[in-house]
Amino acid sequence: MSPAKPRRAPPPRERARIAEIFDRFSAATADPATELVYTSPFTLLVSVVLSAQATDVSVNKATAKLFAEADTPAAMLGLGEAGLTPFIASIGLFRTKAKNVIALSRILMEQWGGEVPLERAALQDLPGVGRKTASVVLNELGAEPAIAVDTHVFRVAHRLRLSRGKTPDAVEADLMRIVPEARRTRAHHWLILHGRYTCLARKPKCHACVVMDLCPSREV
């Protein structure tokens, strides 16, 4: 499903607030990146597929051993589902993910010469790859300034009143509309890291928040 139709641009005062939010994020962490450990587009893709409903920490722990054995589509096919499963058994939904990783590896070999296509439509045609997964891969590899919306991004976007969207697609559309163009390539990372370490779901660390004075939710 494509994102919801964007709304009108925010007024000047709100644009200034939004710009300041991302200026401060940038000042705090100039060049954020995914916390998933990868060495190639393929290992990034596999890591992101495995990270659905799982923590980056748990994925990295599993892939450290997995990628030592299979870090290419051909090598992954050599493992097969039965060989892959023990490496990722500690990750949620591991049986479905094993099936998807083997299936996408086969498609990459048969249709893409073993390379990961850096086009959204082609990525989303791969088993286990939805819009969010494709956005993470495309953004991380510099192919598209995408903003993937996970639970952290969704929560932070609402608390900072960057969006009132009720779905990830709607929030994505809002963020792509209002985030200053120069900040879009890193906006996903700033928002997810802010949600993961500062703007926590149950007990947000407002005292440590670099944008507390710009947050409409700070007293809630």
N, C-alpha and C. Protein backbone atom coordinates (compact mmCIF):
# COMPACT_ATOMS: atom_id res chain seq x y z
N MET A 1 0.85 -1.19 0.00
CA MET A 1 0.00 0.00 0.00
C MET A 1 0.88 1.23 0.00
N SER A 2 0.60 2.19 -0.84
CA SER A 2 1.38 3.42 -0.91
C SER A 2 0.95 4.36 0.20
N PRO A 3 1.83 5.34 0.56
CA PRO A 3 1.50 6.26 1.64
C PRO A 3 0.26 7.09 1.32
N ALA A 4 -0.37 7.60 2.39
CA ALA A 4 -1.54 8.45 2.21
C ALA A 4 -1.14 9.74 1.48
N LYS A 5 -2.09 10.36 0.84
CA LYS A 5 -1.84 11.60 0.10
C LYS A 5 -1.39 12.69 1.06
N PRO A 6 -0.25 13.36 0.78
CA PRO A 6 0.26 14.39 1.68
C PRO A 6 -0.70 15.56 1.82
N ARG A 7 -0.66 16.20 2.99
CA ARG A 7 -1.47 17.37 3.23
C ARG A 7 -0.68 18.62 2.92
N ARG A 8 -1.26 19.79 3.16
CA ARG A 8 -0.60 21.04 2.89
C ARG A 8 0.63 21.22 3.79
N ALA A 9 1.56 22.03 3.33
CA ALA A 9 2.76 22.31 4.10
C ALA A 9 2.40 23.06 5.38
N PRO A 10 3.15 22.86 6.46
CA PRO A 10 2.86 23.55 7.72
C PRO A 10 3.17 25.04 7.61
N PRO A 11 2.58 25.87 8.47
CA PRO A 11 2.85 27.32 8.46
C PRO A 11 4.30 27.60 8.86
N PRO A 12 4.77 28.83 8.60
CA PRO A 12 6.19 29.17 8.85
C PRO A 12 6.68 28.87 10.27
N ARG A 13 5.88 29.21 11.28
CA ARG A 13 6.32 28.98 12.66
C ARG A 13 6.52 27.50 12.93
N GLU A 14 5.62 26.67 12.41
CA GLU A 14 5.74 25.23 12.60
C GLU A 14 6.92 24.68 11.80
N ARG A 15 7.14 25.21 10.62
CA ARG A 15 8.30 24.79 9.82
C ARG A 15 9.60 25.09 10.57
N ALA A 16 9.64 26.23 11.23
CA ALA A 16 10.83 26.60 11.99
C ALA A 16 11.04 25.64 13.17
N ARG A 17 9.95 25.26 13.84
CA ARG A 17 10.05 24.31 14.97
C ARG A 17 10.58 22.97 14.48
N ILE A 18 10.03 22.49 13.37
CA ILE A 18 10.44 21.20 12.82
C ILE A 18 11.91 21.24 12.39
N ALA A 19 12.30 22.32 11.75
CA ALA A 19 13.70 22.45 11.32
C ALA A 19 14.63 22.43 12.52
N GLU A 20 14.23 23.10 13.60
CA GLU A 20 15.06 23.14 14.80
C GLU A 20 15.17 21.76 15.44
N ILE A 21 14.09 20.99 15.43
CA ILE A 21 14.13 19.63 15.97
C ILE A 21 15.21 18.82 15.27
N PHE A 22 15.21 18.85 13.94
CA PHE A 22 16.16 18.03 13.21
C PHE A 22 17.57 18.63 13.22
N ASP A 23 17.66 19.94 13.37
CA ASP A 23 18.99 20.55 13.56
C ASP A 23 19.62 20.05 14.86
N ARG A 24 18.81 19.94 15.90
CA ARG A 24 19.34 19.47 17.19
C ARG A 24 19.68 17.99 17.14
N PHE A 25 18.85 17.20 16.48
CA PHE A 25 19.18 15.79 16.32
C PHE A 25 20.51 15.65 15.60
N SER A 26 20.71 16.46 14.56
CA SER A 26 21.94 16.41 13.78
C SER A 26 23.14 16.83 14.61
N ALA A 27 22.96 17.86 15.43
CA ALA A 27 24.05 18.33 16.27
C ALA A 27 24.46 17.27 17.29
N ALA A 28 23.47 16.51 17.77
CA ALA A 28 23.73 15.47 18.77
C ALA A 28 24.37 14.23 18.15
N THR A 29 23.90 13.86 16.96
CA THR A 29 24.42 12.68 16.25
C THR A 29 24.47 13.03 14.78
N ALA A 30 25.62 13.41 14.31
CA ALA A 30 25.74 13.96 12.96
C ALA A 30 25.43 12.95 11.86
N ASP A 31 25.89 11.74 12.02
CA ASP A 31 25.73 10.76 10.94
C ASP A 31 25.25 9.41 11.49
N PRO A 32 23.99 9.35 11.92
CA PRO A 32 23.48 8.10 12.49
C PRO A 32 23.31 7.03 11.43
N ALA A 33 23.36 5.78 11.86
CA ALA A 33 23.19 4.66 10.93
C ALA A 33 22.46 3.54 11.66
N THR A 34 22.05 2.57 10.91
CA THR A 34 21.37 1.43 11.52
C THR A 34 22.29 0.74 12.51
N GLU A 35 21.72 0.16 13.54
CA GLU A 35 22.51 -0.61 14.51
C GLU A 35 22.63 -2.07 14.11
N LEU A 36 22.02 -2.43 13.00
CA LEU A 36 22.21 -3.77 12.46
C LEU A 36 23.61 -3.87 11.85
N VAL A 37 24.29 -4.97 12.10
CA VAL A 37 25.64 -5.17 11.58
C VAL A 37 25.56 -5.87 10.23
N TYR A 38 26.13 -5.23 9.20
CA TYR A 38 26.10 -5.82 7.87
C TYR A 38 27.36 -5.46 7.11
N THR A 39 27.66 -6.20 6.06
CA THR A 39 28.87 -5.97 5.27
C THR A 39 28.59 -5.80 3.79
N SER A 40 27.34 -5.94 3.40
CA SER A 40 26.97 -5.86 1.98
C SER A 40 25.47 -5.59 1.88
N PRO A 41 24.99 -5.18 0.70
CA PRO A 41 23.54 -5.02 0.54
C PRO A 41 22.77 -6.29 0.89
N PHE A 42 23.33 -7.44 0.56
CA PHE A 42 22.62 -8.69 0.86
C PHE A 42 22.52 -8.93 2.36
N THR A 43 23.63 -8.77 3.08
CA THR A 43 23.56 -9.02 4.52
C THR A 43 22.70 -7.96 5.22
N LEU A 44 22.67 -6.74 4.68
CA LEU A 44 21.75 -5.74 5.23
C LEU A 44 20.31 -6.17 5.01
N LEU A 45 19.99 -6.59 3.79
CA LEU A 45 18.63 -7.02 3.47
C LEU A 45 18.19 -8.16 4.38
N VAL A 46 19.03 -9.16 4.53
CA VAL A 46 18.69 -10.30 5.39
C VAL A 46 18.50 -9.84 6.83
N SER A 47 19.38 -8.99 7.30
CA SER A 47 19.27 -8.51 8.69
C SER A 47 17.97 -7.76 8.92
N VAL A 48 17.57 -6.93 7.96
CA VAL A 48 16.33 -6.17 8.12
C VAL A 48 15.12 -7.10 8.08
N VAL A 49 15.16 -8.08 7.20
CA VAL A 49 14.07 -9.07 7.15
C VAL A 49 13.96 -9.80 8.48
N LEU A 50 15.09 -10.16 9.06
CA LEU A 50 15.08 -10.88 10.33
C LEU A 50 14.66 -10.00 11.50
N SER A 51 14.81 -8.68 11.34
CA SER A 51 14.56 -7.77 12.46
C SER A 51 13.09 -7.48 12.73
N ALA A 52 12.22 -7.92 11.85
CA ALA A 52 10.78 -7.70 12.06
C ALA A 52 10.35 -8.36 13.37
N GLN A 53 9.76 -7.58 14.27
CA GLN A 53 9.32 -8.06 15.58
C GLN A 53 10.46 -8.69 16.36
N ALA A 54 11.65 -8.14 16.20
CA ALA A 54 12.82 -8.60 16.94
C ALA A 54 13.74 -7.40 17.17
N THR A 55 14.60 -7.48 18.15
CA THR A 55 15.52 -6.38 18.43
C THR A 55 16.76 -6.50 17.56
N ASP A 56 17.39 -5.36 17.30
CA ASP A 56 18.64 -5.37 16.54
C ASP A 56 19.70 -6.19 17.26
N VAL A 57 19.70 -6.13 18.58
CA VAL A 57 20.68 -6.88 19.37
C VAL A 57 20.54 -8.37 19.12
N SER A 58 19.31 -8.87 19.14
CA SER A 58 19.09 -10.30 18.93
C SER A 58 19.45 -10.72 17.51
N VAL A 59 19.15 -9.84 16.56
CA VAL A 59 19.49 -10.14 15.15
C VAL A 59 21.00 -10.18 14.97
N ASN A 60 21.70 -9.19 15.50
CA ASN A 60 23.16 -9.14 15.36
C ASN A 60 23.83 -10.36 15.99
N LYS A 61 23.29 -10.81 17.11
CA LYS A 61 23.84 -11.98 17.77
C LYS A 61 23.71 -13.21 16.88
N ALA A 62 22.56 -13.32 16.21
CA ALA A 62 22.33 -14.47 15.33
C ALA A 62 23.13 -14.37 14.04
N THR A 63 23.17 -13.19 13.44
CA THR A 63 23.82 -13.04 12.14
C THR A 63 25.34 -13.07 12.23
N ALA A 64 25.89 -12.81 13.40
CA ALA A 64 27.35 -12.90 13.54
C ALA A 64 27.84 -14.29 13.14
N LYS A 65 27.11 -15.31 13.57
CA LYS A 65 27.48 -16.68 13.21
C LYS A 65 26.96 -17.05 11.83
N LEU A 66 25.76 -16.58 11.51
CA LEU A 66 25.16 -16.92 10.22
C LEU A 66 26.01 -16.40 9.07
N PHE A 67 26.38 -15.11 9.11
CA PHE A 67 27.09 -14.52 7.99
C PHE A 67 28.52 -15.04 7.87
N ALA A 68 29.04 -15.62 8.95
CA ALA A 68 30.35 -16.26 8.85
C ALA A 68 30.27 -17.51 7.97
N GLU A 69 29.07 -18.08 7.88
CA GLU A 69 28.85 -19.27 7.06
C GLU A 69 28.23 -18.94 5.71
N ALA A 70 27.36 -17.95 5.68
CA ALA A 70 26.63 -17.64 4.44
C ALA A 70 26.34 -16.15 4.36
N ASP A 71 27.13 -15.43 3.56
CA ASP A 71 26.91 -13.99 3.41
C ASP A 71 26.62 -13.58 1.98
N THR A 72 26.24 -14.56 1.17
CA THR A 72 25.83 -14.30 -0.22
C THR A 72 24.57 -15.11 -0.51
N PRO A 73 23.81 -14.73 -1.52
CA PRO A 73 22.62 -15.52 -1.86
C PRO A 73 22.96 -16.97 -2.19
N ALA A 74 24.05 -17.17 -2.89
CA ALA A 74 24.43 -18.54 -3.25
C ALA A 74 24.75 -19.37 -2.01
N ALA A 75 25.50 -18.79 -1.10
CA ALA A 75 25.85 -19.51 0.12
C ALA A 75 24.61 -19.77 0.97
N MET A 76 23.68 -18.81 0.98
CA MET A 76 22.46 -18.98 1.76
C MET A 76 21.62 -20.12 1.18
N LEU A 77 21.56 -20.19 -0.14
CA LEU A 77 20.85 -21.30 -0.77
C LEU A 77 21.51 -22.62 -0.44
N GLY A 78 22.83 -22.60 -0.30
CA GLY A 78 23.54 -23.81 0.07
C GLY A 78 23.14 -24.32 1.44
N LEU A 79 22.83 -23.38 2.34
CA LEU A 79 22.36 -23.80 3.66
C LEU A 79 20.97 -24.42 3.59
N GLY A 80 20.08 -23.78 2.80
CA GLY A 80 18.70 -24.22 2.75
C GLY A 80 17.96 -23.88 4.03
N GLU A 81 16.67 -24.09 4.04
CA GLU A 81 15.88 -23.76 5.24
C GLU A 81 16.34 -24.53 6.46
N ALA A 82 16.62 -25.81 6.26
CA ALA A 82 17.03 -26.66 7.39
C ALA A 82 18.34 -26.19 7.98
N GLY A 83 19.25 -25.74 7.12
CA GLY A 83 20.54 -25.28 7.61
C GLY A 83 20.49 -23.88 8.19
N LEU A 84 19.60 -23.06 7.69
CA LEU A 84 19.48 -21.69 8.17
C LEU A 84 18.78 -21.61 9.52
N THR A 85 17.77 -22.43 9.71
CA THR A 85 16.92 -22.35 10.90
C THR A 85 17.68 -22.34 12.22
N PRO A 86 18.67 -23.22 12.44
CA PRO A 86 19.36 -23.20 13.74
C PRO A 86 20.06 -21.88 14.04
N PHE A 87 20.50 -21.17 13.01
CA PHE A 87 21.19 -19.90 13.22
C PHE A 87 20.24 -18.81 13.74
N ILE A 88 18.97 -18.89 13.35
CA ILE A 88 18.03 -17.81 13.67
C ILE A 88 16.90 -18.25 14.60
N ALA A 89 17.05 -19.42 15.21
CA ALA A 89 15.99 -19.98 16.06
C ALA A 89 15.69 -19.11 17.28
N SER A 90 16.62 -18.24 17.65
CA SER A 90 16.40 -17.37 18.82
C SER A 90 15.59 -16.13 18.47
N ILE A 91 15.28 -15.94 17.19
CA ILE A 91 14.56 -14.76 16.72
C ILE A 91 13.09 -15.12 16.50
N GLY A 92 12.20 -14.21 16.84
CA GLY A 92 10.77 -14.45 16.64
C GLY A 92 10.42 -14.74 15.19
N LEU A 93 9.42 -15.60 14.99
CA LEU A 93 8.93 -15.96 13.66
C LEU A 93 10.03 -16.56 12.79
N PHE A 94 10.96 -17.28 13.41
CA PHE A 94 12.15 -17.74 12.68
C PHE A 94 11.84 -18.70 11.55
N ARG A 95 10.79 -19.51 11.67
CA ARG A 95 10.49 -20.46 10.60
C ARG A 95 10.02 -19.73 9.34
N THR A 96 9.14 -18.76 9.51
CA THR A 96 8.67 -17.97 8.37
C THR A 96 9.82 -17.17 7.77
N LYS A 97 10.65 -16.61 8.63
CA LYS A 97 11.77 -15.82 8.15
C LYS A 97 12.79 -16.67 7.41
N ALA A 98 13.01 -17.89 7.87
CA ALA A 98 13.93 -18.79 7.17
C ALA A 98 13.41 -19.08 5.77
N LYS A 99 12.13 -19.34 5.68
CA LYS A 99 11.52 -19.61 4.37
C LYS A 99 11.67 -18.41 3.44
N ASN A 100 11.44 -17.21 3.98
CA ASN A 100 11.53 -16.00 3.16
C ASN A 100 12.96 -15.71 2.73
N VAL A 101 13.92 -15.88 3.63
CA VAL A 101 15.32 -15.60 3.29
C VAL A 101 15.81 -16.54 2.20
N ILE A 102 15.44 -17.81 2.28
CA ILE A 102 15.85 -18.75 1.24
C ILE A 102 15.15 -18.41 -0.07
N ALA A 103 13.88 -18.06 -0.01
CA ALA A 103 13.13 -17.74 -1.23
C ALA A 103 13.68 -16.48 -1.89
N LEU A 104 13.99 -15.46 -1.10
CA LEU A 104 14.51 -14.23 -1.71
C LEU A 104 15.91 -14.45 -2.25
N SER A 105 16.67 -15.31 -1.59
CA SER A 105 18.02 -15.62 -2.08
C SER A 105 17.93 -16.31 -3.45
N ARG A 106 16.96 -17.18 -3.60
CA ARG A 106 16.77 -17.86 -4.88
C ARG A 106 16.40 -16.88 -5.98
N ILE A 107 15.51 -15.94 -5.66
CA ILE A 107 15.10 -14.94 -6.64
C ILE A 107 16.28 -14.04 -7.03
N LEU A 108 17.07 -13.66 -6.03
CA LEU A 108 18.24 -12.83 -6.33
C LEU A 108 19.21 -13.55 -7.27
N MET A 109 19.37 -14.84 -7.08
CA MET A 109 20.26 -15.61 -7.96
C MET A 109 19.67 -15.76 -9.35
N GLU A 110 18.39 -16.08 -9.41
CA GLU A 110 17.76 -16.39 -10.70
C GLU A 110 17.43 -15.14 -11.52
N GLN A 111 17.10 -14.04 -10.84
CA GLN A 111 16.64 -12.85 -11.58
C GLN A 111 17.58 -11.66 -11.53
N TRP A 112 18.47 -11.63 -10.55
CA TRP A 112 19.30 -10.44 -10.36
C TRP A 112 20.79 -10.73 -10.30
N GLY A 113 21.19 -11.88 -10.76
CA GLY A 113 22.61 -12.21 -10.80
C GLY A 113 23.28 -12.20 -9.44
N GLY A 114 22.51 -12.47 -8.40
CA GLY A 114 23.06 -12.51 -7.05
C GLY A 114 23.19 -11.16 -6.39
N GLU A 115 22.72 -10.10 -7.05
CA GLU A 115 22.80 -8.75 -6.49
C GLU A 115 21.43 -8.32 -5.94
N VAL A 116 21.47 -7.41 -4.99
CA VAL A 116 20.24 -6.85 -4.42
C VAL A 116 19.81 -5.65 -5.26
N PRO A 117 18.62 -5.69 -5.86
CA PRO A 117 18.15 -4.55 -6.65
C PRO A 117 17.83 -3.36 -5.74
N LEU A 118 18.30 -2.20 -6.10
CA LEU A 118 18.06 -1.02 -5.27
C LEU A 118 16.95 -0.18 -5.86
N GLU A 119 15.85 -0.83 -6.17
CA GLU A 119 14.64 -0.20 -6.65
C GLU A 119 13.50 -0.69 -5.77
N ARG A 120 12.64 0.23 -5.35
CA ARG A 120 11.60 -0.12 -4.40
C ARG A 120 10.69 -1.25 -4.89
N ALA A 121 10.20 -1.16 -6.11
CA ALA A 121 9.26 -2.16 -6.61
C ALA A 121 9.91 -3.54 -6.62
N ALA A 122 11.16 -3.61 -7.06
CA ALA A 122 11.86 -4.89 -7.13
C ALA A 122 12.10 -5.45 -5.74
N LEU A 123 12.46 -4.60 -4.81
CA LEU A 123 12.69 -5.06 -3.44
C LEU A 123 11.40 -5.58 -2.82
N GLN A 124 10.31 -4.84 -3.01
CA GLN A 124 9.06 -5.24 -2.38
C GLN A 124 8.43 -6.46 -3.04
N ASP A 125 8.97 -6.87 -4.16
CA ASP A 125 8.52 -8.12 -4.78
C ASP A 125 9.17 -9.33 -4.13
N LEU A 126 10.22 -9.10 -3.33
CA LEU A 126 10.92 -10.21 -2.70
C LEU A 126 10.14 -10.73 -1.49
N PRO A 127 10.15 -12.03 -1.24
CA PRO A 127 9.43 -12.60 -0.09
C PRO A 127 9.92 -11.99 1.22
N GLY A 128 8.99 -11.59 2.07
CA GLY A 128 9.34 -11.05 3.37
C GLY A 128 9.74 -9.60 3.38
N VAL A 129 9.68 -8.95 2.21
CA VAL A 129 10.09 -7.55 2.11
C VAL A 129 8.87 -6.67 1.85
N GLY A 130 8.46 -5.92 2.86
CA GLY A 130 7.37 -4.98 2.70
C GLY A 130 7.91 -3.57 2.53
N ARG A 131 7.03 -2.60 2.61
CA ARG A 131 7.44 -1.22 2.39
C ARG A 131 8.47 -0.76 3.42
N LYS A 132 8.27 -1.10 4.69
CA LYS A 132 9.19 -0.66 5.73
C LYS A 132 10.58 -1.25 5.53
N THR A 133 10.64 -2.53 5.25
CA THR A 133 11.93 -3.18 5.02
C THR A 133 12.65 -2.56 3.83
N ALA A 134 11.91 -2.35 2.75
CA ALA A 134 12.51 -1.74 1.56
C ALA A 134 13.01 -0.34 1.88
N SER A 135 12.26 0.41 2.65
CA SER A 135 12.66 1.78 3.00
C SER A 135 13.96 1.79 3.79
N VAL A 136 14.08 0.88 4.75
CA VAL A 136 15.32 0.81 5.54
C VAL A 136 16.51 0.52 4.64
N VAL A 137 16.37 -0.46 3.76
CA VAL A 137 17.47 -0.84 2.87
C VAL A 137 17.84 0.30 1.93
N LEU A 138 16.85 0.89 1.29
CA LEU A 138 17.10 1.95 0.32
C LEU A 138 17.71 3.18 0.99
N ASN A 139 17.24 3.52 2.17
CA ASN A 139 17.76 4.68 2.88
C ASN A 139 19.18 4.43 3.36
N GLU A 140 19.40 3.29 3.97
CA GLU A 140 20.71 2.97 4.53
C GLU A 140 21.79 2.93 3.44
N LEU A 141 21.42 2.45 2.25
CA LEU A 141 22.39 2.33 1.16
C LEU A 141 22.45 3.58 0.28
N GLY A 142 21.71 4.60 0.66
CA GLY A 142 21.77 5.86 -0.07
C GLY A 142 21.07 5.86 -1.40
N ALA A 143 20.18 4.89 -1.62
CA ALA A 143 19.47 4.81 -2.90
C ALA A 143 18.22 5.67 -2.92
N GLU A 144 17.65 5.94 -1.75
CA GLU A 144 16.41 6.73 -1.68
C GLU A 144 16.29 7.32 -0.28
N PRO A 145 15.96 8.61 -0.14
CA PRO A 145 15.80 9.21 1.18
C PRO A 145 14.47 8.82 1.81
N ALA A 146 14.34 7.54 2.12
CA ALA A 146 13.09 7.01 2.63
C ALA A 146 13.03 7.12 4.15
N ILE A 147 11.83 7.16 4.69
CA ILE A 147 11.62 7.19 6.14
C ILE A 147 10.77 5.99 6.52
N ALA A 148 11.42 4.97 7.05
CA ALA A 148 10.70 3.77 7.47
C ALA A 148 10.05 4.03 8.82
N VAL A 149 8.80 3.67 8.96
CA VAL A 149 8.05 3.95 10.19
C VAL A 149 7.82 2.66 10.96
N ASP A 150 8.59 2.50 12.05
CA ASP A 150 8.36 1.39 12.96
C ASP A 150 7.67 1.92 14.21
N THR A 151 7.59 1.13 15.26
CA THR A 151 6.87 1.57 16.46
C THR A 151 7.54 2.78 17.11
N HIS A 152 8.88 2.83 17.08
CA HIS A 152 9.59 3.96 17.68
C HIS A 152 9.31 5.25 16.90
N VAL A 153 9.46 5.18 15.58
CA VAL A 153 9.23 6.35 14.75
C VAL A 153 7.79 6.82 14.87
N PHE A 154 6.86 5.88 14.88
CA PHE A 154 5.44 6.20 15.01
C PHE A 154 5.18 6.96 16.31
N ARG A 155 5.74 6.45 17.41
CA ARG A 155 5.53 7.07 18.72
C ARG A 155 6.15 8.47 18.79
N VAL A 156 7.39 8.60 18.36
CA VAL A 156 8.08 9.89 18.43
C VAL A 156 7.40 10.91 17.53
N ALA A 157 7.00 10.49 16.35
CA ALA A 157 6.34 11.41 15.43
C ALA A 157 5.06 11.98 16.03
N HIS A 158 4.33 11.16 16.76
CA HIS A 158 3.11 11.63 17.40
C HIS A 158 3.40 12.52 18.61
N ARG A 159 4.37 12.14 19.42
CA ARG A 159 4.67 12.95 20.60
C ARG A 159 5.22 14.33 20.22
N LEU A 160 5.98 14.39 19.14
CA LEU A 160 6.52 15.67 18.69
C LEU A 160 5.53 16.41 17.79
N ARG A 161 4.36 15.81 17.57
CA ARG A 161 3.33 16.39 16.70
C ARG A 161 3.85 16.62 15.28
N LEU A 162 4.69 15.70 14.84
CA LEU A 162 5.13 15.73 13.46
C LEU A 162 4.10 15.06 12.57
N SER A 163 3.24 14.29 13.18
CA SER A 163 2.18 13.61 12.45
C SER A 163 1.06 13.25 13.41
N ARG A 164 -0.14 13.20 12.89
CA ARG A 164 -1.28 12.67 13.61
C ARG A 164 -1.85 11.46 12.87
N GLY A 165 -1.07 10.95 11.94
CA GLY A 165 -1.50 9.81 11.13
C GLY A 165 -1.81 8.59 11.97
N LYS A 166 -2.81 7.84 11.57
CA LYS A 166 -3.23 6.67 12.32
C LYS A 166 -2.60 5.37 11.83
N THR A 167 -1.87 5.45 10.72
CA THR A 167 -1.20 4.27 10.18
C THR A 167 0.25 4.62 9.86
N PRO A 168 1.12 3.62 9.79
CA PRO A 168 2.51 3.89 9.39
C PRO A 168 2.62 4.61 8.06
N ASP A 169 1.78 4.24 7.10
CA ASP A 169 1.82 4.89 5.79
C ASP A 169 1.48 6.38 5.90
N ALA A 170 0.48 6.70 6.73
CA ALA A 170 0.08 8.09 6.90
C ALA A 170 1.17 8.89 7.60
N VAL A 171 1.81 8.29 8.60
CA VAL A 171 2.91 8.95 9.29
C VAL A 171 4.08 9.16 8.34
N GLU A 172 4.37 8.16 7.53
CA GLU A 172 5.45 8.29 6.55
C GLU A 172 5.18 9.45 5.60
N ALA A 173 3.96 9.55 5.11
CA ALA A 173 3.61 10.62 4.19
C ALA A 173 3.79 11.98 4.85
N ASP A 174 3.37 12.09 6.11
CA ASP A 174 3.52 13.36 6.83
C ASP A 174 5.00 13.72 6.99
N LEU A 175 5.80 12.74 7.39
CA LEU A 175 7.22 13.01 7.61
C LEU A 175 7.94 13.39 6.32
N MET A 176 7.62 12.72 5.24
CA MET A 176 8.25 13.05 3.97
C MET A 176 7.85 14.44 3.50
N ARG A 177 6.69 14.90 3.95
CA ARG A 177 6.20 16.23 3.57
C ARG A 177 6.86 17.33 4.39
N ILE A 178 7.12 17.08 5.67
CA ILE A 178 7.53 18.17 6.55
C ILE A 178 9.01 18.17 6.93
N VAL A 179 9.68 17.02 6.88
CA VAL A 179 11.10 16.99 7.24
C VAL A 179 11.90 17.77 6.20
N PRO A 180 12.74 18.70 6.63
CA PRO A 180 13.55 19.44 5.67
C PRO A 180 14.32 18.50 4.74
N GLU A 181 14.36 18.83 3.48
CA GLU A 181 14.94 17.94 2.48
C GLU A 181 16.37 17.51 2.84
N ALA A 182 17.14 18.42 3.37
CA ALA A 182 18.53 18.11 3.70
C ALA A 182 18.65 17.11 4.84
N ARG A 183 17.56 16.91 5.58
CA ARG A 183 17.59 16.00 6.74
C ARG A 183 16.92 14.66 6.46
N ARG A 184 16.32 14.48 5.31
CA ARG A 184 15.51 13.29 5.07
C ARG A 184 16.32 11.99 5.05
N THR A 185 17.57 12.07 4.60
CA THR A 185 18.34 10.83 4.52
C THR A 185 18.67 10.24 5.88
N ARG A 186 18.62 11.07 6.93
CA ARG A 186 18.94 10.57 8.27
C ARG A 186 17.78 10.67 9.24
N ALA A 187 16.66 11.20 8.80
CA ALA A 187 15.51 11.40 9.69
C ALA A 187 15.05 10.09 10.34
N HIS A 188 14.99 9.03 9.55
CA HIS A 188 14.57 7.73 10.09
C HIS A 188 15.44 7.32 11.26
N HIS A 189 16.75 7.45 11.10
CA HIS A 189 17.68 7.02 12.15
C HIS A 189 17.55 7.90 13.39
N TRP A 190 17.45 9.20 13.21
CA TRP A 190 17.30 10.08 14.37
C TRP A 190 16.04 9.75 15.16
N LEU A 191 14.94 9.54 14.46
CA LEU A 191 13.68 9.28 15.14
C LEU A 191 13.68 7.93 15.83
N ILE A 192 14.23 6.92 15.17
CA ILE A 192 14.22 5.58 15.78
C ILE A 192 15.16 5.53 16.98
N LEU A 193 16.32 6.17 16.88
CA LEU A 193 17.25 6.17 18.01
C LEU A 193 16.70 7.00 19.17
N HIS A 194 16.02 8.09 18.85
CA HIS A 194 15.41 8.90 19.90
C HIS A 194 14.33 8.10 20.63
N GLY A 195 13.55 7.34 19.88
CA GLY A 195 12.52 6.52 20.49
C GLY A 195 13.08 5.34 21.25
N ARG A 196 14.19 4.82 20.79
CA ARG A 196 14.78 3.63 21.42
C ARG A 196 15.49 3.96 22.73
N TYR A 197 16.09 5.13 22.81
CA TYR A 197 16.93 5.44 23.97
C TYR A 197 16.47 6.61 24.84
N THR A 198 15.63 7.49 24.30
CA THR A 198 15.20 8.65 25.08
C THR A 198 13.69 8.73 25.22
N CYS A 199 12.98 8.77 24.10
CA CYS A 199 11.52 8.92 24.14
C CYS A 199 10.88 7.54 24.27
N LEU A 200 11.12 6.90 25.41
CA LEU A 200 10.66 5.54 25.64
C LEU A 200 9.14 5.48 25.74
N ALA A 201 8.59 4.31 25.48
CA ALA A 201 7.14 4.16 25.44
C ALA A 201 6.50 4.44 26.80
N ARG A 202 7.03 3.86 27.86
CA ARG A 202 6.39 3.97 29.16
C ARG A 202 6.94 5.11 30.02
N LYS A 203 8.26 5.26 30.03
CA LYS A 203 8.86 6.30 30.85
C LYS A 203 9.86 7.10 30.02
N PRO A 204 9.36 8.04 29.22
CA PRO A 204 10.27 8.84 28.40
C PRO A 204 11.24 9.64 29.27
N LYS A 205 12.48 9.72 28.82
CA LYS A 205 13.52 10.43 29.56
C LYS A 205 13.54 11.90 29.13
N CYS A 206 12.50 12.61 29.51
CA CYS A 206 12.37 14.01 29.09
C CYS A 206 13.53 14.87 29.57
N HIS A 207 14.10 14.54 30.72
CA HIS A 207 15.20 15.32 31.26
C HIS A 207 16.44 15.24 30.39
N ALA A 208 16.53 14.18 29.56
CA ALA A 208 17.70 13.98 28.70
C ALA A 208 17.39 14.29 27.24
N CYS A 209 16.23 14.85 26.99
CA CYS A 209 15.77 15.06 25.61
C CYS A 209 16.29 16.39 25.06
N VAL A 210 16.94 16.34 23.91
CA VAL A 210 17.52 17.55 23.31
C VAL A 210 16.46 18.46 22.68
N VAL A 211 15.25 17.96 22.56
CA VAL A 211 14.18 18.78 21.96
C VAL A 211 13.00 18.95 22.92
N MET A 212 13.24 18.81 24.21
CA MET A 212 12.16 18.85 25.18
C MET A 212 11.35 20.15 25.08
N ASP A 213 12.02 21.28 24.93
CA ASP A 213 11.30 22.55 24.87
C ASP A 213 10.49 22.72 23.60
N LEU A 214 10.73 21.85 22.61
CA LEU A 214 10.00 21.90 21.36
C LEU A 214 8.93 20.84 21.26
N CYS A 215 8.77 20.08 22.34
CA CYS A 215 7.85 18.93 22.34
C CYS A 215 6.51 19.28 23.00
N PRO A 216 5.42 19.20 22.26
CA PRO A 216 4.09 19.49 22.84
C PRO A 216 3.66 18.47 23.88
N SER A 217 4.33 17.33 23.93
CA SER A 217 3.93 16.26 24.85
C SER A 217 4.77 16.25 26.14
N ARG A 218 5.63 17.21 26.33
CA ARG A 218 6.59 17.15 27.44
C ARG A 218 5.94 17.14 28.81
N GLU A 219 4.72 17.66 28.94
CA GLU A 219 4.07 17.69 30.25
C GLU A 219 3.05 16.58 30.42
N VAL A 220 2.92 15.74 29.39
CA VAL A 220 1.93 14.66 29.45
C VAL A 220 2.52 13.48 30.19
